[in-house]
N, C-alpha and C. Protein backbone atom coordinates (compact mmCIF):
# COMPACT_ATOMS: atom_id res chain seq x y z
N MET A 1 -27.31 -32.09 -133.52
CA MET A 1 -26.36 -31.04 -133.20
C MET A 1 -27.10 -29.82 -132.64
N ARG A 2 -28.23 -29.51 -133.19
CA ARG A 2 -28.99 -28.34 -132.75
C ARG A 2 -29.45 -28.49 -131.30
N GLN A 3 -29.86 -29.72 -130.91
CA GLN A 3 -30.31 -29.94 -129.55
C GLN A 3 -29.18 -29.67 -128.56
N GLY A 4 -27.96 -30.01 -128.91
CA GLY A 4 -26.81 -29.74 -128.04
C GLY A 4 -26.62 -28.26 -127.80
N LYS A 5 -26.78 -27.45 -128.83
CA LYS A 5 -26.66 -26.00 -128.69
C LYS A 5 -27.78 -25.44 -127.84
N GLU A 6 -28.99 -25.99 -128.03
CA GLU A 6 -30.12 -25.52 -127.23
C GLU A 6 -29.92 -25.87 -125.76
N LYS A 7 -29.38 -27.05 -125.49
CA LYS A 7 -29.12 -27.43 -124.10
C LYS A 7 -28.06 -26.51 -123.50
N THR A 8 -27.05 -26.18 -124.27
CA THR A 8 -26.01 -25.27 -123.77
C THR A 8 -26.61 -23.91 -123.45
N LYS A 9 -27.48 -23.42 -124.32
CA LYS A 9 -28.14 -22.15 -124.06
C LYS A 9 -29.00 -22.24 -122.81
N ALA A 10 -29.69 -23.36 -122.66
CA ALA A 10 -30.54 -23.56 -121.48
C ALA A 10 -29.69 -23.59 -120.22
N ARG A 11 -28.57 -24.25 -120.26
CA ARG A 11 -27.68 -24.31 -119.10
C ARG A 11 -27.17 -22.91 -118.75
N LYS A 12 -26.82 -22.16 -119.76
CA LYS A 12 -26.36 -20.80 -119.49
C LYS A 12 -27.47 -19.98 -118.86
N SER A 13 -28.67 -20.14 -119.33
CA SER A 13 -29.75 -19.35 -118.77
C SER A 13 -30.05 -19.78 -117.33
N VAL A 14 -29.93 -21.07 -117.03
CA VAL A 14 -30.12 -21.53 -115.65
C VAL A 14 -29.01 -20.95 -114.78
N SER A 15 -27.81 -20.96 -115.28
CA SER A 15 -26.68 -20.39 -114.54
C SER A 15 -26.89 -18.90 -114.29
N GLU A 16 -27.37 -18.21 -115.31
CA GLU A 16 -27.64 -16.78 -115.16
C GLU A 16 -28.76 -16.53 -114.15
N ILE A 17 -29.77 -17.38 -114.19
CA ILE A 17 -30.88 -17.24 -113.25
C ILE A 17 -30.39 -17.45 -111.82
N LEU A 18 -29.59 -18.50 -111.62
CA LEU A 18 -29.05 -18.75 -110.28
C LEU A 18 -28.16 -17.60 -109.81
N SER A 19 -27.41 -17.03 -110.73
CA SER A 19 -26.56 -15.89 -110.40
C SER A 19 -27.40 -14.69 -109.99
N ASP A 20 -28.46 -14.46 -110.74
CA ASP A 20 -29.37 -13.35 -110.41
C ASP A 20 -30.04 -13.57 -109.06
N MET A 21 -30.43 -14.81 -108.80
CA MET A 21 -31.07 -15.12 -107.51
C MET A 21 -30.10 -14.89 -106.36
N LYS A 22 -28.85 -15.28 -106.56
CA LYS A 22 -27.85 -15.07 -105.51
C LYS A 22 -27.69 -13.58 -105.25
N ARG A 23 -27.62 -12.82 -106.32
CA ARG A 23 -27.47 -11.37 -106.18
C ARG A 23 -28.65 -10.77 -105.42
N ASP A 24 -29.85 -11.23 -105.74
CA ASP A 24 -31.06 -10.64 -105.17
C ASP A 24 -31.43 -11.17 -103.78
N PHE A 25 -31.08 -12.42 -103.48
CA PHE A 25 -31.58 -13.04 -102.27
C PHE A 25 -30.51 -13.55 -101.30
N SER A 26 -29.25 -13.30 -101.58
CA SER A 26 -28.19 -13.88 -100.74
C SER A 26 -28.20 -13.36 -99.30
N ALA A 27 -28.90 -12.29 -99.04
CA ALA A 27 -29.00 -11.79 -97.67
C ALA A 27 -30.10 -12.51 -96.88
N ASP A 28 -30.86 -13.34 -97.55
CA ASP A 28 -31.97 -14.06 -96.92
C ASP A 28 -31.55 -15.49 -96.58
N PRO A 29 -31.58 -15.88 -95.31
CA PRO A 29 -31.19 -17.24 -94.93
C PRO A 29 -32.00 -18.33 -95.64
N GLU A 30 -33.24 -18.03 -96.00
CA GLU A 30 -34.06 -19.03 -96.70
C GLU A 30 -33.52 -19.34 -98.09
N TYR A 31 -32.84 -18.37 -98.71
CA TYR A 31 -32.21 -18.62 -100.00
C TYR A 31 -31.17 -19.72 -99.87
N TRP A 32 -30.36 -19.64 -98.82
CA TRP A 32 -29.30 -20.62 -98.62
C TRP A 32 -29.86 -22.00 -98.31
N ASP A 33 -30.97 -22.05 -97.56
CA ASP A 33 -31.64 -23.33 -97.32
C ASP A 33 -32.12 -23.93 -98.64
N TRP A 34 -32.74 -23.09 -99.45
CA TRP A 34 -33.25 -23.55 -100.74
C TRP A 34 -32.10 -24.07 -101.61
N LEU A 35 -30.99 -23.33 -101.66
CA LEU A 35 -29.87 -23.71 -102.50
C LEU A 35 -29.25 -25.03 -102.03
N ALA A 36 -29.13 -25.22 -100.73
CA ALA A 36 -28.59 -26.48 -100.20
C ALA A 36 -29.53 -27.64 -100.54
N ARG A 37 -30.82 -27.40 -100.42
CA ARG A 37 -31.79 -28.45 -100.78
C ARG A 37 -31.74 -28.77 -102.27
N LEU A 38 -31.51 -27.76 -103.08
CA LEU A 38 -31.36 -27.97 -104.52
C LEU A 38 -30.17 -28.88 -104.80
N GLU A 39 -29.06 -28.61 -104.13
CA GLU A 39 -27.87 -29.45 -104.30
C GLU A 39 -28.16 -30.90 -103.93
N MET A 40 -28.91 -31.10 -102.86
CA MET A 40 -29.21 -32.45 -102.41
C MET A 40 -30.32 -33.10 -103.22
N SER A 41 -31.20 -32.31 -103.80
CA SER A 41 -32.32 -32.91 -104.54
C SER A 41 -31.83 -33.70 -105.74
N ASP A 42 -30.75 -33.25 -106.35
CA ASP A 42 -30.18 -34.00 -107.46
C ASP A 42 -29.72 -35.38 -107.00
N ALA A 43 -29.19 -35.44 -105.80
CA ALA A 43 -28.70 -36.72 -105.29
C ALA A 43 -29.83 -37.67 -104.97
N SER A 44 -30.94 -37.16 -104.47
CA SER A 44 -32.03 -38.04 -104.10
C SER A 44 -32.89 -38.43 -105.30
N SER A 45 -32.76 -37.73 -106.42
CA SER A 45 -33.57 -38.05 -107.59
C SER A 45 -32.84 -38.94 -108.59
N THR A 46 -31.55 -39.14 -108.42
CA THR A 46 -30.83 -39.98 -109.37
C THR A 46 -31.17 -41.44 -109.14
N GLU A 47 -31.19 -42.18 -110.22
CA GLU A 47 -31.52 -43.59 -110.12
C GLU A 47 -30.43 -44.37 -109.41
N GLU A 48 -29.19 -44.05 -109.72
CA GLU A 48 -28.10 -44.76 -109.07
C GLU A 48 -27.67 -43.97 -107.83
N LYS A 49 -28.05 -44.46 -106.70
CA LYS A 49 -27.74 -43.77 -105.45
C LYS A 49 -26.50 -44.41 -104.82
N ASN A 50 -25.38 -44.26 -105.49
CA ASN A 50 -24.18 -44.83 -104.90
C ASN A 50 -23.64 -43.89 -103.83
N ASP A 51 -22.85 -44.45 -102.96
CA ASP A 51 -22.34 -43.69 -101.82
C ASP A 51 -21.49 -42.50 -102.24
N ASP A 52 -20.69 -42.66 -103.28
CA ASP A 52 -19.83 -41.56 -103.72
C ASP A 52 -20.64 -40.38 -104.22
N ALA A 53 -21.69 -40.65 -104.97
CA ALA A 53 -22.53 -39.57 -105.49
C ALA A 53 -23.24 -38.85 -104.34
N MET A 54 -23.74 -39.61 -103.39
CA MET A 54 -24.42 -39.01 -102.24
C MET A 54 -23.44 -38.17 -101.41
N LEU A 55 -22.25 -38.68 -101.20
CA LEU A 55 -21.25 -37.95 -100.44
C LEU A 55 -20.88 -36.65 -101.14
N PHE A 56 -20.73 -36.69 -102.45
CA PHE A 56 -20.40 -35.50 -103.22
C PHE A 56 -21.50 -34.45 -103.06
N LYS A 57 -22.75 -34.86 -103.19
CA LYS A 57 -23.86 -33.92 -103.05
C LYS A 57 -23.97 -33.37 -101.64
N LEU A 58 -23.71 -34.21 -100.67
CA LEU A 58 -23.72 -33.77 -99.28
C LEU A 58 -22.64 -32.71 -99.05
N GLN A 59 -21.47 -32.94 -99.62
CA GLN A 59 -20.39 -31.96 -99.49
C GLN A 59 -20.76 -30.64 -100.17
N LYS A 60 -21.44 -30.72 -101.31
CA LYS A 60 -21.88 -29.50 -102.00
C LYS A 60 -22.88 -28.72 -101.14
N ALA A 61 -23.78 -29.44 -100.49
CA ALA A 61 -24.77 -28.77 -99.63
C ALA A 61 -24.09 -28.12 -98.44
N VAL A 62 -23.12 -28.79 -97.87
CA VAL A 62 -22.37 -28.21 -96.75
C VAL A 62 -21.63 -26.96 -97.21
N GLN A 63 -21.06 -26.99 -98.41
CA GLN A 63 -20.37 -25.82 -98.95
C GLN A 63 -21.32 -24.63 -99.09
N VAL A 64 -22.55 -24.91 -99.45
CA VAL A 64 -23.55 -23.83 -99.56
C VAL A 64 -23.70 -23.13 -98.21
N TYR A 65 -23.86 -23.92 -97.15
CA TYR A 65 -24.01 -23.31 -95.83
C TYR A 65 -22.72 -22.64 -95.35
N GLU A 66 -21.59 -23.18 -95.74
CA GLU A 66 -20.32 -22.52 -95.37
C GLU A 66 -20.20 -21.16 -96.05
N LYS A 67 -20.65 -21.07 -97.30
CA LYS A 67 -20.67 -19.78 -98.00
C LYS A 67 -21.60 -18.80 -97.31
N ALA A 68 -22.77 -19.30 -96.92
CA ALA A 68 -23.74 -18.45 -96.22
C ALA A 68 -23.17 -17.95 -94.91
N GLU A 69 -22.47 -18.82 -94.22
CA GLU A 69 -21.84 -18.45 -92.95
C GLU A 69 -20.74 -17.42 -93.19
N ALA A 70 -19.99 -17.58 -94.27
CA ALA A 70 -18.90 -16.66 -94.59
C ALA A 70 -19.38 -15.25 -94.89
N VAL A 71 -20.56 -15.15 -95.50
CA VAL A 71 -21.10 -13.82 -95.80
C VAL A 71 -21.94 -13.27 -94.66
N GLY A 72 -22.00 -14.01 -93.56
CA GLY A 72 -22.71 -13.54 -92.38
C GLY A 72 -24.21 -13.60 -92.49
N CYS A 73 -24.70 -14.53 -93.27
CA CYS A 73 -26.13 -14.60 -93.52
C CYS A 73 -26.86 -15.60 -92.63
N LEU A 74 -26.14 -16.47 -91.97
CA LEU A 74 -26.81 -17.49 -91.16
C LEU A 74 -27.09 -16.95 -89.76
N THR A 75 -28.26 -17.25 -89.29
CA THR A 75 -28.64 -16.84 -87.93
C THR A 75 -28.57 -18.03 -86.98
N GLU A 76 -28.17 -19.19 -87.51
CA GLU A 76 -28.15 -20.41 -86.72
C GLU A 76 -26.72 -20.81 -86.39
N GLU A 77 -26.60 -21.66 -85.40
CA GLU A 77 -25.31 -22.25 -85.07
C GLU A 77 -24.94 -23.27 -86.14
N PRO A 78 -23.65 -23.51 -86.36
CA PRO A 78 -23.24 -24.49 -87.38
C PRO A 78 -23.88 -25.87 -87.22
N LEU A 79 -24.06 -26.33 -86.00
CA LEU A 79 -24.67 -27.64 -85.80
C LEU A 79 -26.09 -27.68 -86.35
N GLN A 80 -26.82 -26.58 -86.23
CA GLN A 80 -28.20 -26.55 -86.73
C GLN A 80 -28.24 -26.65 -88.24
N TRP A 81 -27.38 -25.93 -88.95
CA TRP A 81 -27.44 -26.01 -90.41
C TRP A 81 -26.87 -27.31 -90.92
N LYS A 82 -25.93 -27.90 -90.19
CA LYS A 82 -25.44 -29.21 -90.60
C LYS A 82 -26.54 -30.27 -90.43
N THR A 83 -27.36 -30.10 -89.43
CA THR A 83 -28.49 -31.01 -89.25
C THR A 83 -29.49 -30.83 -90.39
N LYS A 84 -29.67 -29.60 -90.84
CA LYS A 84 -30.57 -29.35 -91.98
C LYS A 84 -30.08 -30.08 -93.22
N VAL A 85 -28.77 -30.08 -93.44
CA VAL A 85 -28.22 -30.76 -94.59
C VAL A 85 -28.58 -32.23 -94.53
N LEU A 86 -28.46 -32.83 -93.38
CA LEU A 86 -28.76 -34.25 -93.25
C LEU A 86 -30.25 -34.55 -93.48
N THR A 87 -31.12 -33.59 -93.20
CA THR A 87 -32.54 -33.82 -93.43
C THR A 87 -32.89 -33.72 -94.92
N CYS A 88 -31.98 -33.21 -95.73
CA CYS A 88 -32.22 -33.10 -97.16
C CYS A 88 -32.06 -34.45 -97.87
N ILE A 89 -31.40 -35.36 -97.22
CA ILE A 89 -31.06 -36.65 -97.88
C ILE A 89 -32.30 -37.47 -98.13
């Protein structure tokens, strides 16, 4: 039972760290590249690489770039960042 609570605390701290990073670095295009790669890294490291899991992670990475585009942080054309997402696979 204690390990479950520790994992929950760890997850909260990771969430807080990611939130702090977004606050501090969201104006930097490299932050968005890193975040999209993070989304995809989970997909490439899982043992079961089924198509649905990969598609879900790909969609999450695309959403990262769409958020970056929405806040005006991307200096690239949409085709360029979509190509970056595909290189993360």
